[in-house]
Amino acid sequence: MIKEGSKANYVVRAKTGWGGQKTKEKGFQNVGWYIGYIETKDNVYYFSNCIQSPDDNNPDFAKARIEIMDKILTELKIYE
């Protein structure tokens, strides 16, 4: 895991990945993931996000893995 960021009240360690799979129903699918954990003063939170897209030309696919997870963790008030 790589240290992705930190502030006074938490540290994020995470890893991204990107691959693909071919299916009979949908053809080729891009598969992206973002996994890791957040250490706070009082707890450790683990997270995992997996997204799929058939669009090879989507310029937002790479950053979407992280942005989706950041939004969820912010809504859960795990970090800001």
Protein backbone atom coordinates (compact mmCIF):
# COMPACT_ATOMS: atom_id res chain seq x y z
CA MET A 1 0.00 0.00 0.00
CA ILE A 2 1.12 3.51 -0.79
CA LYS A 3 0.52 6.45 1.50
CA GLU A 4 -2.05 8.42 -0.49
CA GLY A 5 -2.53 11.27 1.92
CA SER A 6 -2.67 12.35 5.49
CA LYS A 7 -3.92 15.11 7.72
CA ALA A 8 -3.62 15.66 11.45
CA ASN A 9 -6.45 13.22 12.19
CA TYR A 10 -5.96 10.42 9.62
CA VAL A 11 -3.63 8.59 7.21
CA VAL A 12 -4.80 6.93 3.97
CA ARG A 13 -2.92 3.98 2.49
CA ALA A 14 -4.28 2.60 -0.77
CA LYS A 15 -3.61 0.95 -4.12
CA THR A 16 -5.29 1.30 -7.50
CA GLY A 17 -5.52 -1.29 -10.24
CA TRP A 18 -6.91 -1.60 -13.76
CA GLY A 19 -7.55 -4.60 -15.93
CA GLY A 20 -10.11 -5.95 -18.30
CA GLN A 21 -12.28 -8.92 -19.00
CA LYS A 22 -14.12 -10.20 -22.01
CA THR A 23 -17.67 -11.44 -21.55
CA LYS A 24 -20.14 -12.95 -23.99
CA GLU A 25 -22.92 -10.59 -22.93
CA LYS A 26 -21.08 -7.26 -22.75
CA GLY A 27 -17.93 -7.71 -24.82
CA PHE A 28 -14.80 -6.17 -23.31
CA GLN A 29 -15.13 -4.50 -19.92
CA ASN A 30 -12.57 -2.24 -18.24
CA VAL A 31 -12.34 -3.12 -14.56
CA GLY A 32 -10.80 -0.63 -12.15
CA TRP A 33 -10.37 -0.84 -8.41
CA TYR A 34 -9.19 1.17 -5.44
CA ILE A 35 -8.53 -0.58 -2.13
CA GLY A 36 -6.95 0.45 1.11
CA TYR A 37 -7.46 1.61 4.64
CA ILE A 38 -7.67 4.77 6.70
CA GLU A 39 -6.07 5.04 10.11
CA THR A 40 -7.59 7.55 12.49
CA LYS A 41 -6.69 8.19 16.11
CA ASP A 42 -9.44 5.82 17.27
CA ASN A 43 -10.04 3.33 14.46
CA VAL A 44 -9.00 1.69 11.20
CA TYR A 45 -11.43 1.67 8.26
CA TYR A 46 -10.93 -0.66 5.28
CA PHE A 47 -12.41 0.13 1.89
CA SER A 48 -12.70 -1.39 -1.56
CA ASN A 49 -14.18 0.01 -4.75
CA CYS A 50 -14.57 -1.79 -8.08
CA ILE A 51 -15.99 -0.13 -11.19
CA GLN A 52 -16.56 -1.37 -14.74
CA SER A 53 -16.98 0.33 -18.10
CA PRO A 54 -17.17 -0.88 -21.70
CA ASP A 55 -15.86 2.51 -22.92
CA ASP A 56 -12.13 2.35 -23.75
CA ASN A 57 -12.08 6.08 -24.49
CA ASN A 58 -13.47 7.34 -21.17
CA PRO A 59 -10.91 9.90 -19.95
CA ASP A 60 -12.47 9.93 -16.46
CA PHE A 61 -12.29 6.19 -15.79
CA ALA A 62 -8.90 6.24 -14.04
CA LYS A 63 -9.72 9.05 -11.63
CA ALA A 64 -13.31 7.85 -11.05
CA ARG A 65 -12.06 4.90 -8.97
CA ILE A 66 -10.62 7.27 -6.38
CA GLU A 67 -13.21 10.05 -6.65
CA ILE A 68 -16.12 7.68 -6.00
CA MET A 69 -14.44 6.26 -2.90
CA ASP A 70 -13.49 9.73 -1.62
CA LYS A 71 -17.10 10.86 -1.95
CA ILE A 72 -18.40 7.82 -0.06
CA LEU A 73 -15.85 8.18 2.76
CA THR A 74 -16.58 11.89 3.06
CA GLU A 75 -20.34 11.24 3.23
CA LEU A 76 -19.68 8.68 5.97
CA LYS A 77 -17.66 11.39 7.78
CA ILE A 78 -14.61 9.15 7.98
CA TYR A 79 -12.50 11.96 6.57
CA GLU A 80 -12.82 15.34 4.95
